[in-house]
């Protein structure tokens, strides 16, 4: 049986790059330690200069390849994470909160 694949959603835009990198890396490590395969959107886009619309397209495609989504506490302050949550719900992905 394959591992459940989980996408991480949280605030990126407007925050210092290193803070974002560290926050998502910490979440990825915690989720991997629980035995899941993790999709980190920071690694999916891999370039902070990517325009928001293009980054979101990449992230949504990665999200749709997952079984579940973990929402970081900061997700509520993020237009992108709110959109990702709505898409996850529309496609029946399990929602988890970290």
PDB file of N, CA and C in Angstrom:
ATOM      1  N   UNK A   1       0.837  -1.190   0.000  1.00  0.00           N
ATOM      2  CA  UNK A   1       0.000   0.000   0.000  1.00  0.00           C
ATOM      3  C   UNK A   1       0.880   1.251   0.000  1.00  0.00           C
ATOM      4  N   UNK A   2       0.577   2.215  -0.855  1.00  0.00           N
ATOM      5  CA  UNK A   2       1.388   3.417  -0.933  1.00  0.00           C
ATOM      6  C   UNK A   2       1.026   4.381   0.200  1.00  0.00           C
ATOM      7  N   UNK A   3       1.975   5.247   0.503  1.00  0.00           N
ATOM      8  CA  UNK A   3       1.758   6.245   1.541  1.00  0.00           C
ATOM      9  C   UNK A   3       0.745   7.278   1.079  1.00  0.00           C
ATOM     10  N   UNK A   4      -0.022   7.806   2.025  1.00  0.00           N
ATOM     11  CA  UNK A   4      -0.931   8.914   1.728  1.00  0.00           C
ATOM     12  C   UNK A   4      -0.076  10.146   1.412  1.00  0.00           C
ATOM     13  N   UNK A   5      -0.419  10.822   0.325  1.00  0.00           N
ATOM     14  CA  UNK A   5       0.320  12.018  -0.101  1.00  0.00           C
ATOM     15  C   UNK A   5      -0.421  13.252   0.399  1.00  0.00           C
ATOM     16  N   UNK A   6       0.298  14.101   1.130  1.00  0.00           N
ATOM     17  CA  UNK A   6      -0.301  15.265   1.774  1.00  0.00           C
ATOM     18  C   UNK A   6       0.361  16.551   1.293  1.00  0.00           C
ATOM     19  N   UNK A   7      -0.460  17.509   0.926  1.00  0.00           N
ATOM     20  CA  UNK A   7      -0.024  18.826   0.463  1.00  0.00           C
ATOM     21  C   UNK A   7      -0.054  19.796   1.641  1.00  0.00           C
ATOM     22  N   UNK A   8       0.951  20.641   1.764  1.00  0.00           N
ATOM     23  CA  UNK A   8       1.000  21.650   2.831  1.00  0.00           C
ATOM     24  C   UNK A   8       0.485  22.981   2.286  1.00  0.00           C
ATOM     25  N   UNK A   9      -0.442  23.612   2.996  1.00  0.00           N
ATOM     26  CA  UNK A   9      -0.951  24.927   2.611  1.00  0.00           C
ATOM     27  C   UNK A   9      -0.719  25.918   3.738  1.00  0.00           C
ATOM     28  N   UNK A  10      -0.254  27.098   3.371  1.00  0.00           N
ATOM     29  CA  UNK A  10      -0.023  28.145   4.352  1.00  0.00           C
ATOM     30  C   UNK A  10       0.355  29.441   3.664  1.00  0.00           C
ATOM     31  N   UNK A  11       0.521  30.474   4.436  1.00  0.00           N
ATOM     32  CA  UNK A  11       0.843  31.807   3.912  1.00  0.00           C
ATOM     33  C   UNK A  11       2.288  31.866   3.429  1.00  0.00           C
ATOM     34  N   UNK A  12       2.467  32.399   2.228  1.00  0.00           N
ATOM     35  CA  UNK A  12       3.791  32.601   1.638  1.00  0.00           C
ATOM     36  C   UNK A  12       3.980  34.073   1.283  1.00  0.00           C
ATOM     37  N   UNK A  13       3.045  34.613   0.525  1.00  0.00           N
ATOM     38  CA  UNK A  13       3.161  35.972   0.000  1.00  0.00           C
ATOM     39  C   UNK A  13       3.264  37.002   1.114  1.00  0.00           C
ATOM     40  N   UNK A  14       4.252  37.891   0.975  1.00  0.00           N
ATOM     41  CA  UNK A  14       4.412  38.988   1.919  1.00  0.00           C
ATOM     42  C   UNK A  14       5.260  38.673   3.130  1.00  0.00           C
ATOM     43  N   UNK A  15       5.695  37.426   3.253  1.00  0.00           N
ATOM     44  CA  UNK A  15       6.538  37.040   4.390  1.00  0.00           C
ATOM     45  C   UNK A  15       7.993  36.926   3.953  1.00  0.00           C
ATOM     46  N   UNK A  16       8.945  37.082   4.889  1.00  0.00           N
ATOM     47  CA  UNK A  16      10.363  36.906   4.543  1.00  0.00           C
ATOM     48  C   UNK A  16      10.618  35.491   4.007  1.00  0.00           C
ATOM     49  N   UNK A  17      11.405  35.396   2.934  1.00  0.00           N
ATOM     50  CA  UNK A  17      11.639  34.113   2.283  1.00  0.00           C
ATOM     51  C   UNK A  17      12.147  33.043   3.236  1.00  0.00           C
ATOM     52  N   UNK A  18      13.126  33.368   4.051  1.00  0.00           N
ATOM     53  CA  UNK A  18      13.695  32.346   4.936  1.00  0.00           C
ATOM     54  C   UNK A  18      12.676  31.860   5.958  1.00  0.00           C
ATOM     55  N   UNK A  19      11.828  32.766   6.443  1.00  0.00           N
ATOM     56  CA  UNK A  19      10.762  32.373   7.372  1.00  0.00           C
ATOM     57  C   UNK A  19       9.824  31.355   6.713  1.00  0.00           C
ATOM     58  N   UNK A  20       9.469  31.615   5.451  1.00  0.00           N
ATOM     59  CA  UNK A  20       8.583  30.718   4.713  1.00  0.00           C
ATOM     60  C   UNK A  20       9.259  29.368   4.491  1.00  0.00           C
ATOM     61  N   UNK A  21      10.495  29.392   4.028  1.00  0.00           N
ATOM     62  CA  UNK A  21      11.245  28.154   3.773  1.00  0.00           C
ATOM     63  C   UNK A  21      11.310  27.314   5.041  1.00  0.00           C
ATOM     64  N   UNK A  22      11.669  27.956   6.154  1.00  0.00           N
ATOM     65  CA  UNK A  22      11.803  27.236   7.430  1.00  0.00           C
ATOM     66  C   UNK A  22      10.468  26.679   7.909  1.00  0.00           C
ATOM     67  N   UNK A  23       9.403  27.474   7.798  1.00  0.00           N
ATOM     68  CA  UNK A  23       8.072  27.056   8.267  1.00  0.00           C
ATOM     69  C   UNK A  23       7.586  25.826   7.506  1.00  0.00           C
ATOM     70  N   UNK A  24       7.711  25.851   6.188  1.00  0.00           N
ATOM     71  CA  UNK A  24       7.243  24.730   5.373  1.00  0.00           C
ATOM     72  C   UNK A  24       8.152  23.505   5.528  1.00  0.00           C
ATOM     73  N   UNK A  25       9.458  23.724   5.679  1.00  0.00           N
ATOM     74  CA  UNK A  25      10.382  22.598   5.881  1.00  0.00           C
ATOM     75  C   UNK A  25      10.099  21.899   7.209  1.00  0.00           C
ATOM     76  N   UNK A  26       9.825  22.676   8.249  1.00  0.00           N
ATOM     77  CA  UNK A  26       9.497  22.094   9.558  1.00  0.00           C
ATOM     78  C   UNK A  26       8.210  21.276   9.481  1.00  0.00           C
ATOM     79  N   UNK A  27       7.206  21.830   8.813  1.00  0.00           N
ATOM     80  CA  UNK A  27       5.938  21.101   8.658  1.00  0.00           C
ATOM     81  C   UNK A  27       6.158  19.819   7.866  1.00  0.00           C
ATOM     82  N   UNK A  28       6.950  19.893   6.796  1.00  0.00           N
ATOM     83  CA  UNK A  28       7.223  18.710   5.984  1.00  0.00           C
ATOM     84  C   UNK A  28       7.880  17.616   6.824  1.00  0.00           C
ATOM     85  N   UNK A  29       8.865  18.007   7.612  1.00  0.00           N
ATOM     86  CA  UNK A  29       9.559  17.023   8.455  1.00  0.00           C
ATOM     87  C   UNK A  29       8.598  16.371   9.451  1.00  0.00           C
ATOM     88  N   UNK A  30       7.769  17.169  10.091  1.00  0.00           N
ATOM     89  CA  UNK A  30       6.811  16.635  11.072  1.00  0.00           C
ATOM     90  C   UNK A  30       5.845  15.649  10.421  1.00  0.00           C
ATOM     91  N   UNK A  31       5.362  15.985   9.240  1.00  0.00           N
ATOM     92  CA  UNK A  31       4.387  15.133   8.555  1.00  0.00           C
ATOM     93  C   UNK A  31       5.055  13.858   8.043  1.00  0.00           C
ATOM     94  N   UNK A  32       6.283  13.985   7.531  1.00  0.00           N
ATOM     95  CA  UNK A  32       7.022  12.797   7.087  1.00  0.00           C
ATOM     96  C   UNK A  32       7.287  11.845   8.244  1.00  0.00           C
ATOM     97  N   UNK A  33       7.567  12.395   9.422  1.00  0.00           N
ATOM     98  CA  UNK A  33       7.813  11.562  10.606  1.00  0.00           C
ATOM     99  C   UNK A  33       6.562  10.782  11.015  1.00  0.00           C
ATOM    100  N   UNK A  34       5.396  11.243  10.572  1.00  0.00           N
ATOM    101  CA  UNK A  34       4.148  10.525  10.829  1.00  0.00           C
ATOM    102  C   UNK A  34       3.906   9.436   9.781  1.00  0.00           C
ATOM    103  N   UNK A  35       4.802   9.361   8.792  1.00  0.00           N
ATOM    104  CA  UNK A  35       4.723   8.292   7.805  1.00  0.00           C
ATOM    105  C   UNK A  35       4.050   8.648   6.487  1.00  0.00           C
ATOM    106  N   UNK A  36       3.893   9.928   6.223  1.00  0.00           N
ATOM    107  CA  UNK A  36       3.236  10.356   4.994  1.00  0.00           C
ATOM    108  C   UNK A  36       4.243  10.858   3.961  1.00  0.00           C
ATOM    109  N   UNK A  37       3.852  10.814   2.698  1.00  0.00           N
ATOM    110  CA  UNK A  37       4.591  11.485   1.633  1.00  0.00           C
ATOM    111  C   UNK A  37       4.090  12.926   1.615  1.00  0.00           C
ATOM    112  N   UNK A  38       4.999  13.889   1.522  1.00  0.00           N
ATOM    113  CA  UNK A  38       4.621  15.295   1.661  1.00  0.00           C
ATOM    114  C   UNK A  38       4.967  16.083   0.399  1.00  0.00           C
ATOM    115  N   UNK A  39       4.029  16.925  -0.012  1.00  0.00           N
ATOM    116  CA  UNK A  39       4.256  17.854  -1.115  1.00  0.00           C
ATOM    117  C   UNK A  39       4.362  19.255  -0.514  1.00  0.00           C
ATOM    118  N   UNK A  40       5.552  19.814  -0.623  1.00  0.00           N
ATOM    119  CA  UNK A  40       5.848  21.145  -0.102  1.00  0.00           C
ATOM    120  C   UNK A  40       5.758  22.136  -1.265  1.00  0.00           C
ATOM    121  N   UNK A  41       4.810  23.077  -1.252  1.00  0.00           N
ATOM    122  CA  UNK A  41       4.656  24.000  -2.376  1.00  0.00           C
ATOM    123  C   UNK A  41       5.884  24.874  -2.619  1.00  0.00           C
ATOM    124  N   UNK A  42       6.692  25.093  -1.594  1.00  0.00           N
ATOM    125  CA  UNK A  42       7.914  25.885  -1.767  1.00  0.00           C
ATOM    126  C   UNK A  42       8.867  25.134  -2.694  1.00  0.00           C
ATOM    127  N   UNK A  43       8.900  23.807  -2.561  1.00  0.00           N
ATOM    128  CA  UNK A  43       9.735  22.984  -3.434  1.00  0.00           C
ATOM    129  C   UNK A  43       9.099  22.831  -4.817  1.00  0.00           C
ATOM    130  N   UNK A  44       7.784  22.840  -4.886  1.00  0.00           N
ATOM    131  CA  UNK A  44       7.086  22.725  -6.174  1.00  0.00           C
ATOM    132  C   UNK A  44       7.417  23.923  -7.056  1.00  0.00           C
ATOM    133  N   UNK A  45       7.304  25.122  -6.513  1.00  0.00           N
ATOM    134  CA  UNK A  45       7.556  26.350  -7.278  1.00  0.00           C
ATOM    135  C   UNK A  45       9.055  26.609  -7.386  1.00  0.00           C
ATOM    136  N   UNK A  46       9.759  26.519  -6.272  1.00  0.00           N
ATOM    137  CA  UNK A  46      11.215  26.597  -6.206  1.00  0.00           C
ATOM    138  C   UNK A  46      11.804  27.910  -6.724  1.00  0.00           C
ATOM    139  N   UNK A  47      11.015  28.980  -6.737  1.00  0.00           N
ATOM    140  CA  UNK A  47      11.523  30.283  -7.170  1.00  0.00           C
ATOM    141  C   UNK A  47      10.580  31.364  -6.653  1.00  0.00           C
ATOM    142  N   UNK A  48      11.058  32.152  -5.714  1.00  0.00           N
ATOM    143  CA  UNK A  48      10.219  33.181  -5.108  1.00  0.00           C
ATOM    144  C   UNK A  48       9.892  34.322  -6.075  1.00  0.00           C
ATOM    145  N   UNK A  49      10.555  34.374  -7.224  1.00  0.00           N
ATOM    146  CA  UNK A  49      10.275  35.406  -8.217  1.00  0.00           C
ATOM    147  C   UNK A  49       9.183  34.997  -9.203  1.00  0.00           C
ATOM    148  N   UNK A  50       8.668  33.773  -9.077  1.00  0.00           N
ATOM    149  CA  UNK A  50       7.591  33.312  -9.954  1.00  0.00           C
ATOM    150  C   UNK A  50       6.331  34.137  -9.679  1.00  0.00           C
ATOM    151  N   UNK A  51       5.701  34.659 -10.725  1.00  0.00           N
ATOM    152  CA  UNK A  51       4.453  35.413 -10.509  1.00  0.00           C
ATOM    153  C   UNK A  51       3.412  34.557  -9.777  1.00  0.00           C
ATOM    154  N   UNK A  52       2.610  35.218  -8.941  1.00  0.00           N
ATOM    155  CA  UNK A  52       1.634  34.521  -8.098  1.00  0.00           C
ATOM    156  C   UNK A  52       0.746  33.582  -8.903  1.00  0.00           C
ATOM    157  N   UNK A  53       0.191  34.047 -10.030  1.00  0.00           N
ATOM    158  CA  UNK A  53      -0.717  33.218 -10.828  1.00  0.00           C
ATOM    159  C   UNK A  53      -0.023  31.952 -11.321  1.00  0.00           C
ATOM    160  N   UNK A  54       1.209  32.089 -11.774  1.00  0.00           N
ATOM    161  CA  UNK A  54       1.959  30.929 -12.264  1.00  0.00           C
ATOM    162  C   UNK A  54       2.278  29.970 -11.117  1.00  0.00           C
ATOM    163  N   UNK A  55       2.670  30.522  -9.979  1.00  0.00           N
ATOM    164  CA  UNK A  55       2.967  29.686  -8.810  1.00  0.00           C
ATOM    165  C   UNK A  55       1.725  28.913  -8.375  1.00  0.00           C
ATOM    166  N   UNK A  56       0.579  29.587  -8.374  1.00  0.00           N
ATOM    167  CA  UNK A  56      -0.660  28.929  -7.960  1.00  0.00           C
ATOM    168  C   UNK A  56      -1.045  27.810  -8.929  1.00  0.00           C
ATOM    169  N   UNK A  57      -0.840  27.999 -10.220  1.00  0.00           N
ATOM    170  CA  UNK A  57      -1.121  26.938 -11.189  1.00  0.00           C
ATOM    171  C   UNK A  57      -0.296  25.695 -10.868  1.00  0.00           C
ATOM    172  N   UNK A  58       0.999  25.904 -10.598  1.00  0.00           N
ATOM    173  CA  UNK A  58       1.870  24.771 -10.263  1.00  0.00           C
ATOM    174  C   UNK A  58       1.412  24.092  -8.969  1.00  0.00           C
ATOM    175  N   UNK A  59       1.063  24.910  -7.990  1.00  0.00           N
ATOM    176  CA  UNK A  59       0.650  24.369  -6.696  1.00  0.00           C
ATOM    177  C   UNK A  59      -0.671  23.608  -6.802  1.00  0.00           C
ATOM    178  N   UNK A  60      -1.611  24.134  -7.555  1.00  0.00           N
ATOM    179  CA  UNK A  60      -2.910  23.466  -7.701  1.00  0.00           C
ATOM    180  C   UNK A  60      -2.740  22.124  -8.397  1.00  0.00           C
ATOM    181  N   UNK A  61      -1.881  22.076  -9.411  1.00  0.00           N
ATOM    182  CA  UNK A  61      -1.631  20.794 -10.080  1.00  0.00           C
ATOM    183  C   UNK A  61      -1.030  19.788  -9.100  1.00  0.00           C
ATOM    184  N   UNK A  62      -0.097  20.244  -8.265  1.00  0.00           N
ATOM    185  CA  UNK A  62       0.514  19.359  -7.265  1.00  0.00           C
ATOM    186  C   UNK A  62      -0.521  18.930  -6.227  1.00  0.00           C
ATOM    187  N   UNK A  63      -1.369  19.861  -5.804  1.00  0.00           N
ATOM    188  CA  UNK A  63      -2.412  19.566  -4.827  1.00  0.00           C
ATOM    189  C   UNK A  63      -3.344  18.467  -5.331  1.00  0.00           C
ATOM    190  N   UNK A  64      -3.729  18.548  -6.585  1.00  0.00           N
ATOM    191  CA  UNK A  64      -4.690  17.589  -7.131  1.00  0.00           C
ATOM    192  C   UNK A  64      -4.114  16.179  -7.255  1.00  0.00           C
ATOM    193  N   UNK A  65      -2.817  16.047  -7.073  1.00  0.00           N
ATOM    194  CA  UNK A  65      -2.172  14.737  -7.087  1.00  0.00           C
ATOM    195  C   UNK A  65      -2.077  14.149  -5.673  1.00  0.00           C
ATOM    196  N   UNK A  66      -2.653  14.832  -4.706  1.00  0.00           N
ATOM    197  CA  UNK A  66      -2.560  14.419  -3.299  1.00  0.00           C
ATOM    198  C   UNK A  66      -3.880  13.816  -2.805  1.00  0.00           C
ATOM    199  N   UNK A  67      -3.789  13.139  -1.650  1.00  0.00           N
ATOM    200  CA  UNK A  67      -4.955  12.546  -1.000  1.00  0.00           C
ATOM    201  C   UNK A  67      -5.534  13.441   0.088  1.00  0.00           C
ATOM    202  N   UNK A  68      -4.693  14.357   0.584  1.00  0.00           N
ATOM    203  CA  UNK A  68      -5.092  15.184   1.721  1.00  0.00           C
ATOM    204  C   UNK A  68      -4.305  16.485   1.707  1.00  0.00           C
ATOM    205  N   UNK A  69      -4.748  17.410   2.545  1.00  0.00           N
ATOM    206  CA  UNK A  69      -4.077  18.694   2.687  1.00  0.00           C
ATOM    207  C   UNK A  69      -3.923  19.012   4.170  1.00  0.00           C
ATOM    208  N   UNK A  70      -2.745  19.500   4.519  1.00  0.00           N
ATOM    209  CA  UNK A  70      -2.513  20.006   5.872  1.00  0.00           C
ATOM    210  C   UNK A  70      -2.525  21.522   5.792  1.00  0.00           C
ATOM    211  N   UNK A  71      -3.315  22.142   6.633  1.00  0.00           N
ATOM    212  CA  UNK A  71      -3.391  23.594   6.685  1.00  0.00           C
ATOM    213  C   UNK A  71      -2.590  24.085   7.886  1.00  0.00           C
ATOM    214  N   UNK A  72      -1.567  24.883   7.609  1.00  0.00           N
ATOM    215  CA  UNK A  72      -0.797  25.496   8.686  1.00  0.00           C
ATOM    216  C   UNK A  72      -1.643  26.581   9.333  1.00  0.00           C
ATOM    217  N   UNK A  73      -1.354  26.952  10.585  1.00  0.00           N
ATOM    218  CA  UNK A  73      -2.181  27.952  11.268  1.00  0.00           C
ATOM    219  C   UNK A  73      -2.329  29.272  10.490  1.00  0.00           C
ATOM    220  N   UNK A  74      -1.338  29.607   9.670  1.00  0.00           N
ATOM    221  CA  UNK A  74      -1.360  30.879   8.941  1.00  0.00           C
ATOM    222  C   UNK A  74      -2.202  30.834   7.671  1.00  0.00           C
ATOM    223  N   UNK A  75      -2.816  29.702   7.359  1.00  0.00           N
ATOM    224  CA  UNK A  75      -3.531  29.551   6.083  1.00  0.00           C
ATOM    225  C   UNK A  75      -4.663  30.567   5.919  1.00  0.00           C
ATOM    226  N   UNK A  76      -5.294  30.928   7.007  1.00  0.00           N
ATOM    227  CA  UNK A  76      -6.460  31.808   6.966  1.00  0.00           C
ATOM    228  C   UNK A  76      -6.093  33.209   6.456  1.00  0.00           C
ATOM    229  N   UNK A  77      -4.802  33.588   6.588  1.00  0.00           N
ATOM    230  CA  UNK A  77      -4.340  34.901   6.140  1.00  0.00           C
ATOM    231  C   UNK A  77      -3.802  34.881   4.714  1.00  0.00           C
ATOM    232  N   UNK A  78      -4.033  33.795   3.999  1.00  0.00           N
ATOM    233  CA  UNK A  78      -3.453  33.623   2.672  1.00  0.00           C
ATOM    234  C   UNK A  78      -4.530  33.407   1.612  1.00  0.00           C
ATOM    235  N   UNK A  79      -4.582  34.305   0.635  1.00  0.00           N
ATOM    236  CA  UNK A  79      -5.523  34.151  -0.475  1.00  0.00           C
ATOM    237  C   UNK A  79      -5.257  32.836  -1.210  1.00  0.00           C
ATOM    238  N   UNK A  80      -3.991  32.499  -1.420  1.00  0.00           N
ATOM    239  CA  UNK A  80      -3.639  31.268  -2.123  1.00  0.00           C
ATOM    240  C   UNK A  80      -4.042  30.022  -1.354  1.00  0.00           C
ATOM    241  N   UNK A  81      -3.754  29.998  -0.057  1.00  0.00           N
ATOM    242  CA  UNK A  81      -4.107  28.826   0.757  1.00  0.00           C
ATOM    243  C   UNK A  81      -5.621  28.669   0.865  1.00  0.00           C
ATOM    244  N   UNK A  82      -6.348  29.787   0.924  1.00  0.00           N
ATOM    245  CA  UNK A  82      -7.810  29.697   0.951  1.00  0.00           C
ATOM    246  C   UNK A  82      -8.329  29.092  -0.353  1.00  0.00           C
ATOM    247  N   UNK A  83      -7.750  29.499  -1.470  1.00  0.00           N
ATOM    248  CA  UNK A  83      -8.126  28.940  -2.768  1.00  0.00           C
ATOM    249  C   UNK A  83      -7.798  27.446  -2.816  1.00  0.00           C
ATOM    250  N   UNK A  84      -6.614  27.089  -2.345  1.00  0.00           N
ATOM    251  CA  UNK A  84      -6.218  25.676  -2.314  1.00  0.00           C
ATOM    252  C   UNK A  84      -7.174  24.859  -1.445  1.00  0.00           C
ATOM    253  N   UNK A  85      -7.579  25.408  -0.307  1.00  0.00           N
ATOM    254  CA  UNK A  85      -8.518  24.702   0.571  1.00  0.00           C
ATOM    255  C   UNK A  85      -9.850  24.484  -0.143  1.00  0.00           C
ATOM    256  N   UNK A  86     -10.339  25.514  -0.825  1.00  0.00           N
ATOM    257  CA  UNK A  86     -11.608  25.383  -1.552  1.00  0.00           C
ATOM    258  C   UNK A  86     -11.513  24.299  -2.627  1.00  0.00           C
ATOM    259  N   UNK A  87     -10.401  24.261  -3.326  1.00  0.00           N
ATOM    260  CA  UNK A  87     -10.201  23.245  -4.363  1.00  0.00           C
ATOM    261  C   UNK A  87     -10.114  21.863  -3.728  1.00  0.00           C
ATOM    262  N   UNK A  88      -9.373  21.745  -2.634  1.00  0.00           N
ATOM    263  CA  UNK A  88      -9.260  20.457  -1.937  1.00  0.00           C
ATOM    264  C   UNK A  88     -10.642  19.962  -1.507  1.00  0.00           C
ATOM    265  N   UNK A  89     -11.460  20.852  -0.976  1.00  0.00           N
ATOM    266  CA  UNK A  89     -12.815  20.467  -0.558  1.00  0.00           C
ATOM    267  C   UNK A  89     -13.649  20.039  -1.754  1.00  0.00           C
ATOM    268  N   UNK A  90     -13.558  20.780  -2.850  1.00  0.00           N
ATOM    269  CA  UNK A  90     -14.340  20.468  -4.048  1.00  0.00           C
ATOM    270  C   UNK A  90     -13.975  19.091  -4.608  1.00  0.00           C
ATOM    271  N   UNK A  91     -12.720  18.690  -4.421  1.00  0.00           N
ATOM    272  CA  UNK A  91     -12.265  17.401  -4.942  1.00  0.00           C
ATOM    273  C   UNK A  91     -12.280  16.293  -3.890  1.00  0.00           C
ATOM    274  N   UNK A  92     -12.801  16.594  -2.723  1.00  0.00           N
ATOM    275  CA  UNK A  92     -12.964  15.576  -1.693  1.00  0.00           C
ATOM    276  C   UNK A  92     -11.695  15.148  -0.971  1.00  0.00           C
ATOM    277  N   UNK A  93     -10.676  15.999  -0.981  1.00  0.00           N
ATOM    278  CA  UNK A  93      -9.455  15.680  -0.247  1.00  0.00           C
ATOM    279  C   UNK A  93      -9.705  15.852   1.251  1.00  0.00           C
ATOM    280  N   UNK A  94      -9.065  15.020   2.025  1.00  0.00           N
ATOM    281  CA  UNK A  94      -9.154  15.116   3.482  1.00  0.00           C
ATOM    282  C   UNK A  94      -8.401  16.366   3.934  1.00  0.00           C
ATOM    283  N   UNK A  95      -8.971  17.117   4.871  1.00  0.00           N
ATOM    284  CA  UNK A  95      -8.321  18.292   5.427  1.00  0.00           C
ATOM    285  C   UNK A  95      -7.819  18.006   6.829  1.00  0.00           C
ATOM    286  N   UNK A  96      -6.562  18.350   7.055  1.00  0.00           N
ATOM    287  CA  UNK A  96      -5.929  18.175   8.357  1.00  0.00           C
ATOM    288  C   UNK A  96      -5.370  19.522   8.788  1.00  0.00           C
ATOM    289  N   UNK A  97      -5.293  19.734  10.085  1.00  0.00           N
ATOM    290  CA  UNK A  97      -4.782  21.019  10.596  1.00  0.00           C
ATOM    291  C   UNK A  97      -3.566  20.755  11.466  1.00  0.00           C
ATOM    292  N   UNK A  98      -2.523  21.545  11.243  1.00  0.00           N
ATOM    293  CA  UNK A  98      -1.268  21.361  11.987  1.00  0.00           C
ATOM    294  C   UNK A  98      -1.141  22.460  13.023  1.00  0.00           C
TER     295      UNK A  98
END
